[in-house]
Amino acid sequence: MAQYFFDIEINTELVADDEGIDLEDHAAARLSALSSLGDIITEHIQTSDNLSVEMRIRYADGTPIFAAKLTLGSQWLTPVPPSQLRNSITRPSDE
């Protein structure tokens, strides 16, 4: 097992991982990073229609191992009446 650190950049805000996690190998670290990107986007879509999330994996000494980036861009194509807009998105689990 090795210790991997997952630094996350959401748009321009960097959250550095100072704890790390022990994983079996590089493949497990990659899978963990990729499976987390969608969850991070889901957490932040209520505040922005355009998001960029980058996950970088490194060793404790700072040596980079892997990076993945997921970008979401959205826009209204026709005018939407204000009465149809909500400040937050309701997910089935929220109802």
Protein backbone atom coordinates (compact mmCIF):
# COMPACT_ATOMS: atom_id res chain seq x y z
CA MET A 1 0.00 0.00 0.00
CA ALA A 2 1.02 3.58 -0.61
CA GLN A 3 -0.23 6.91 0.62
CA TYR A 4 -1.83 9.14 -2.01
CA PHE A 5 -2.80 12.81 -1.71
CA PHE A 6 -5.72 14.21 -3.70
CA ASP A 7 -5.58 17.95 -4.38
CA ILE A 8 -8.79 19.41 -5.80
CA GLU A 9 -9.15 22.62 -7.76
CA ILE A 10 -12.69 23.90 -8.28
CA ASN A 11 -12.62 26.72 -10.82
CA THR A 12 -9.70 28.65 -9.34
CA GLU A 13 -9.97 27.53 -5.70
CA LEU A 14 -7.40 24.94 -4.65
CA VAL A 15 -8.03 22.58 -1.76
CA ALA A 16 -4.80 20.79 -0.90
CA ASP A 17 -5.02 17.37 0.73
CA ASP A 18 -2.87 17.35 3.85
CA GLU A 19 -3.98 13.94 5.15
CA GLY A 20 -3.78 11.55 2.21
CA ILE A 21 -5.23 8.05 2.08
CA ASP A 22 -3.69 4.61 1.83
CA LEU A 23 -4.62 2.74 -1.33
CA GLU A 24 -3.53 -0.52 -2.89
CA ASP A 25 -1.89 0.95 -5.99
CA HIS A 26 -1.92 3.65 -8.69
CA ALA A 27 -4.94 2.07 -10.39
CA ALA A 28 -6.99 2.33 -7.19
CA ALA A 29 -5.92 5.97 -6.77
CA ARG A 30 -6.93 6.76 -10.36
CA LEU A 31 -10.32 5.11 -9.91
CA SER A 32 -10.92 7.00 -6.69
CA ALA A 33 -10.11 10.32 -8.36
CA LEU A 34 -12.28 9.72 -11.41
CA SER A 35 -15.27 8.49 -9.42
CA SER A 36 -15.10 11.59 -7.19
CA LEU A 37 -15.25 14.17 -10.00
CA GLY A 38 -18.96 13.67 -10.70
CA ASP A 39 -19.82 13.96 -7.01
CA ILE A 40 -17.91 17.21 -6.73
CA ILE A 41 -19.70 18.68 -9.76
CA THR A 42 -23.05 17.61 -8.27
CA GLU A 43 -22.25 19.38 -5.00
CA HIS A 44 -21.43 22.66 -6.77
CA ILE A 45 -23.99 22.95 -9.61
CA GLN A 46 -26.37 24.83 -7.35
CA THR A 47 -24.01 27.81 -7.29
CA SER A 48 -22.69 27.86 -10.86
CA ASP A 49 -23.64 26.81 -14.38
CA ASN A 50 -20.00 26.63 -15.41
CA LEU A 51 -17.59 24.54 -13.39
CA SER A 52 -14.13 23.16 -13.83
CA VAL A 53 -12.95 20.50 -11.39
CA GLU A 54 -9.41 19.15 -11.52
CA MET A 55 -8.15 16.35 -9.29
CA ARG A 56 -4.41 15.88 -8.95
CA ILE A 57 -2.86 12.91 -7.19
CA ARG A 58 0.60 13.14 -5.68
CA TYR A 59 2.91 11.44 -3.23
CA ALA A 60 3.63 13.11 0.13
CA ASP A 61 6.88 14.53 -1.26
CA GLY A 62 4.91 16.39 -3.94
CA THR A 63 5.72 14.08 -6.85
CA PRO A 64 2.71 14.20 -9.22
CA ILE A 65 1.18 10.90 -10.26
CA PHE A 66 -2.10 11.55 -12.07
CA ALA A 67 -4.46 14.38 -13.01
CA ALA A 68 -8.01 14.41 -14.30
CA LYS A 69 -10.26 17.34 -15.17
CA LEU A 70 -14.01 17.56 -15.65
CA THR A 71 -15.57 20.71 -17.07
CA LEU A 72 -19.26 21.59 -17.10
CA GLY A 73 -20.60 24.42 -19.23
CA SER A 74 -24.28 25.27 -19.52
CA GLN A 75 -26.43 28.11 -20.76
CA TRP A 76 -30.06 28.89 -21.47
CA LEU A 77 -30.77 28.93 -25.21
CA THR A 78 -34.08 30.77 -24.89
CA PRO A 79 -35.29 33.29 -22.30
CA VAL A 80 -36.64 31.63 -19.16
CA PRO A 81 -39.33 33.35 -17.08
CA PRO A 82 -38.03 34.18 -13.58
CA SER A 83 -40.91 32.17 -12.08
CA GLN A 84 -39.37 29.03 -13.60
CA LEU A 85 -35.92 29.57 -12.16
CA ARG A 86 -34.91 28.24 -8.77
CA ASN A 87 -31.86 29.13 -6.72
CA SER A 88 -31.24 25.50 -5.90
CA ILE A 89 -31.75 22.20 -7.61
CA THR A 90 -34.04 19.66 -5.97
CA ARG A 91 -32.74 16.13 -6.18
CA PRO A 92 -34.98 13.14 -5.56
CA SER A 93 -33.22 12.51 -2.23
CA ASP A 94 -34.07 16.08 -1.11
CA GLU A 95 -37.83 15.67 -1.51
